[in-house]
Amino acid sequence: MLVWARQIKAGRSLIGWEQYQLAVKAGVGIATIRRLERMSGPINAQFETIEKIRRALESAGIEFIGEPKPGVCVRLESVRGP
């Protein structure tokens, strides 16, 4: 479950994406990604925006794990081929 702002940056870092790549893959503005990654704590955004980001990261192999609580709970499922 994508709940904490730091999960976005952590997930993006695990797959080696720049902010603009996540923005394009998620179909949201780069300013949105930048704003969300500057937050600390729960994500403050529209549900639809969070879902787009979550789906983009999960399609690249990121899995959000654990309970929705402070901390970053993500992992990379596996390295995918080309």
N, C-alpha and C. Protein backbone atom coordinates (compact mmCIF):
# COMPACT_ATOMS: atom_id res chain seq x y z
N MET A 1 0.85 -1.17 0.00
CA MET A 1 0.00 0.00 0.00
C MET A 1 0.89 1.24 0.00
N LEU A 2 0.66 2.12 -0.93
CA LEU A 2 1.41 3.37 -1.03
C LEU A 2 0.73 4.40 -0.15
N VAL A 3 1.37 4.75 0.96
CA VAL A 3 0.79 5.67 1.94
C VAL A 3 1.73 6.82 2.28
N TRP A 4 3.01 6.53 2.37
CA TRP A 4 3.98 7.52 2.83
C TRP A 4 4.75 8.11 1.66
N ALA A 5 4.97 9.40 1.72
CA ALA A 5 5.63 10.13 0.64
C ALA A 5 7.01 9.54 0.32
N ARG A 6 7.73 9.13 1.33
CA ARG A 6 9.08 8.58 1.09
C ARG A 6 9.07 7.27 0.32
N GLN A 7 7.94 6.58 0.30
CA GLN A 7 7.85 5.36 -0.48
C GLN A 7 8.00 5.65 -1.96
N ILE A 8 7.52 6.79 -2.40
CA ILE A 8 7.63 7.14 -3.82
C ILE A 8 9.10 7.26 -4.21
N LYS A 9 9.84 8.04 -3.45
CA LYS A 9 11.26 8.23 -3.76
C LYS A 9 12.03 6.93 -3.61
N ALA A 10 11.73 6.17 -2.57
CA ALA A 10 12.43 4.90 -2.36
C ALA A 10 12.17 3.94 -3.51
N GLY A 11 10.92 3.83 -3.91
CA GLY A 11 10.58 2.94 -5.03
C GLY A 11 11.25 3.39 -6.31
N ARG A 12 11.19 4.67 -6.57
CA ARG A 12 11.80 5.22 -7.79
C ARG A 12 13.30 4.97 -7.79
N SER A 13 13.94 5.14 -6.65
CA SER A 13 15.38 4.91 -6.54
C SER A 13 15.75 3.45 -6.78
N LEU A 14 14.94 2.54 -6.27
CA LEU A 14 15.23 1.11 -6.45
C LEU A 14 15.25 0.71 -7.92
N ILE A 15 14.42 1.33 -8.73
CA ILE A 15 14.38 0.95 -10.15
C ILE A 15 15.21 1.89 -11.03
N GLY A 16 15.83 2.89 -10.41
CA GLY A 16 16.73 3.77 -11.14
C GLY A 16 16.05 4.80 -12.03
N TRP A 17 14.82 5.16 -11.72
CA TRP A 17 14.11 6.16 -12.51
C TRP A 17 14.40 7.56 -11.99
N GLU A 18 14.48 8.50 -12.89
CA GLU A 18 14.51 9.92 -12.55
C GLU A 18 13.07 10.36 -12.29
N GLN A 19 12.90 11.52 -11.69
CA GLN A 19 11.55 12.01 -11.41
C GLN A 19 10.72 12.14 -12.68
N TYR A 20 11.33 12.63 -13.75
CA TYR A 20 10.57 12.82 -14.98
C TYR A 20 10.09 11.49 -15.55
N GLN A 21 10.88 10.42 -15.38
CA GLN A 21 10.46 9.12 -15.88
C GLN A 21 9.22 8.63 -15.14
N LEU A 22 9.20 8.78 -13.83
CA LEU A 22 8.03 8.39 -13.06
C LEU A 22 6.82 9.23 -13.47
N ALA A 23 7.03 10.52 -13.65
CA ALA A 23 5.93 11.40 -14.06
C ALA A 23 5.32 10.92 -15.38
N VAL A 24 6.17 10.60 -16.35
CA VAL A 24 5.68 10.14 -17.65
C VAL A 24 4.97 8.80 -17.51
N LYS A 25 5.58 7.85 -16.83
CA LYS A 25 4.98 6.51 -16.67
C LYS A 25 3.66 6.57 -15.92
N ALA A 26 3.55 7.50 -14.96
CA ALA A 26 2.33 7.60 -14.16
C ALA A 26 1.29 8.52 -14.80
N GLY A 27 1.70 9.31 -15.77
CA GLY A 27 0.78 10.24 -16.39
C GLY A 27 0.42 11.42 -15.50
N VAL A 28 1.40 11.86 -14.72
CA VAL A 28 1.20 13.03 -13.85
C VAL A 28 2.31 14.03 -14.15
N GLY A 29 2.16 15.24 -13.70
CA GLY A 29 3.16 16.26 -13.94
C GLY A 29 4.40 16.06 -13.09
N ILE A 30 5.52 16.49 -13.62
CA ILE A 30 6.77 16.38 -12.87
C ILE A 30 6.71 17.21 -11.60
N ALA A 31 6.00 18.33 -11.64
CA ALA A 31 5.86 19.16 -10.44
C ALA A 31 5.16 18.39 -9.33
N THR A 32 4.24 17.51 -9.70
CA THR A 32 3.53 16.69 -8.72
C THR A 32 4.50 15.72 -8.05
N ILE A 33 5.33 15.06 -8.83
CA ILE A 33 6.31 14.13 -8.27
C ILE A 33 7.26 14.88 -7.35
N ARG A 34 7.76 16.01 -7.78
CA ARG A 34 8.68 16.80 -6.96
C ARG A 34 8.03 17.20 -5.64
N ARG A 35 6.79 17.67 -5.71
CA ARG A 35 6.07 18.10 -4.50
C ARG A 35 5.88 16.94 -3.55
N LEU A 36 5.46 15.80 -4.07
CA LEU A 36 5.22 14.64 -3.20
C LEU A 36 6.50 14.13 -2.56
N GLU A 37 7.58 14.13 -3.30
CA GLU A 37 8.84 13.63 -2.75
C GLU A 37 9.44 14.57 -1.71
N ARG A 38 9.04 15.82 -1.70
CA ARG A 38 9.51 16.75 -0.68
C ARG A 38 8.77 16.57 0.65
N MET A 39 7.63 15.90 0.61
CA MET A 39 6.83 15.70 1.82
C MET A 39 7.52 14.69 2.74
N SER A 40 7.18 14.80 4.02
CA SER A 40 7.58 13.76 4.96
C SER A 40 6.31 13.37 5.70
N GLY A 41 6.01 12.12 5.67
CA GLY A 41 4.78 11.65 6.30
C GLY A 41 3.77 11.20 5.27
N PRO A 42 2.51 11.14 5.67
CA PRO A 42 1.47 10.66 4.76
C PRO A 42 1.38 11.52 3.50
N ILE A 43 1.04 10.89 2.39
CA ILE A 43 0.89 11.59 1.12
C ILE A 43 -0.34 12.48 1.16
N ASN A 44 -0.17 13.70 0.73
CA ASN A 44 -1.27 14.65 0.65
C ASN A 44 -1.53 14.93 -0.82
N ALA A 45 -2.37 14.10 -1.45
CA ALA A 45 -2.67 14.25 -2.87
C ALA A 45 -4.01 13.58 -3.16
N GLN A 46 -4.51 13.82 -4.35
CA GLN A 46 -5.74 13.18 -4.78
C GLN A 46 -5.53 11.66 -4.87
N PHE A 47 -6.55 10.90 -4.52
CA PHE A 47 -6.47 9.45 -4.56
C PHE A 47 -6.06 8.96 -5.95
N GLU A 48 -6.64 9.54 -6.99
CA GLU A 48 -6.34 9.12 -8.36
C GLU A 48 -4.85 9.31 -8.69
N THR A 49 -4.28 10.40 -8.23
CA THR A 49 -2.86 10.66 -8.47
C THR A 49 -1.99 9.62 -7.78
N ILE A 50 -2.31 9.31 -6.54
CA ILE A 50 -1.56 8.29 -5.80
C ILE A 50 -1.66 6.94 -6.50
N GLU A 51 -2.86 6.61 -6.98
CA GLU A 51 -3.05 5.33 -7.67
C GLU A 51 -2.24 5.26 -8.95
N LYS A 52 -2.18 6.33 -9.70
CA LYS A 52 -1.38 6.34 -10.93
C LYS A 52 0.09 6.09 -10.62
N ILE A 53 0.58 6.75 -9.60
CA ILE A 53 1.99 6.57 -9.20
C ILE A 53 2.22 5.16 -8.71
N ARG A 54 1.33 4.65 -7.89
CA ARG A 54 1.46 3.28 -7.36
C ARG A 54 1.50 2.27 -8.50
N ARG A 55 0.56 2.40 -9.44
CA ARG A 55 0.50 1.45 -10.56
C ARG A 55 1.77 1.51 -11.42
N ALA A 56 2.29 2.71 -11.64
CA ALA A 56 3.51 2.86 -12.45
C ALA A 56 4.69 2.17 -11.77
N LEU A 57 4.84 2.39 -10.47
CA LEU A 57 5.94 1.76 -9.74
C LEU A 57 5.77 0.25 -9.66
N GLU A 58 4.56 -0.21 -9.41
CA GLU A 58 4.33 -1.65 -9.33
C GLU A 58 4.55 -2.33 -10.68
N SER A 59 4.20 -1.66 -11.77
CA SER A 59 4.42 -2.27 -13.09
C SER A 59 5.91 -2.41 -13.40
N ALA A 60 6.73 -1.63 -12.70
CA ALA A 60 8.19 -1.71 -12.88
C ALA A 60 8.84 -2.67 -11.89
N GLY A 61 8.03 -3.31 -11.03
CA GLY A 61 8.57 -4.32 -10.13
C GLY A 61 8.61 -3.95 -8.66
N ILE A 62 8.14 -2.77 -8.32
CA ILE A 62 8.14 -2.36 -6.91
C ILE A 62 6.93 -2.97 -6.21
N GLU A 63 7.16 -3.46 -5.01
CA GLU A 63 6.08 -4.00 -4.18
C GLU A 63 6.05 -3.22 -2.87
N PHE A 64 4.90 -2.67 -2.56
CA PHE A 64 4.72 -1.96 -1.31
C PHE A 64 4.27 -2.96 -0.26
N ILE A 65 5.04 -3.07 0.83
CA ILE A 65 4.79 -4.10 1.82
C ILE A 65 4.56 -3.49 3.19
N GLY A 66 4.08 -4.29 4.09
CA GLY A 66 3.91 -3.85 5.47
C GLY A 66 2.61 -3.09 5.68
N GLU A 67 2.43 -2.68 6.89
CA GLU A 67 1.25 -1.92 7.27
C GLU A 67 1.46 -0.45 6.96
N PRO A 68 0.37 0.28 6.77
CA PRO A 68 0.54 1.72 6.59
C PRO A 68 0.94 2.40 7.90
N LYS A 69 2.23 2.52 8.11
CA LYS A 69 2.76 3.14 9.32
C LYS A 69 4.02 3.91 8.96
N PRO A 70 4.50 4.77 9.82
CA PRO A 70 5.72 5.52 9.50
C PRO A 70 6.87 4.59 9.14
N GLY A 71 7.63 5.00 8.17
CA GLY A 71 8.74 4.19 7.68
C GLY A 71 8.51 3.90 6.21
N VAL A 72 9.50 3.37 5.58
CA VAL A 72 9.41 3.07 4.17
C VAL A 72 9.41 1.56 4.01
N CYS A 73 8.35 1.05 3.43
CA CYS A 73 8.22 -0.39 3.24
C CYS A 73 8.02 -0.67 1.76
N VAL A 74 9.12 -0.87 1.06
CA VAL A 74 9.07 -1.22 -0.36
C VAL A 74 10.13 -2.27 -0.62
N ARG A 75 9.96 -2.99 -1.71
CA ARG A 75 11.02 -3.89 -2.16
C ARG A 75 10.87 -4.09 -3.65
N LEU A 76 11.96 -4.44 -4.27
CA LEU A 76 11.99 -4.72 -5.69
C LEU A 76 11.74 -6.21 -5.84
N GLU A 77 10.69 -6.57 -6.58
CA GLU A 77 10.32 -7.98 -6.71
C GLU A 77 11.47 -8.80 -7.29
N SER A 78 11.97 -8.40 -8.43
CA SER A 78 13.10 -9.06 -9.05
C SER A 78 13.57 -8.19 -10.21
N VAL A 79 14.75 -8.47 -10.68
CA VAL A 79 15.25 -7.73 -11.82
C VAL A 79 14.59 -8.30 -13.06
N ARG A 80 13.94 -7.42 -13.80
CA ARG A 80 13.25 -7.85 -15.01
C ARG A 80 14.16 -7.70 -16.21
N GLY A 81 14.00 -8.59 -17.15
CA GLY A 81 14.79 -8.53 -18.38
C GLY A 81 14.32 -7.40 -19.27
N PRO A 82 15.01 -7.20 -20.41
CA PRO A 82 14.67 -6.11 -21.33
C PRO A 82 13.30 -6.25 -21.94
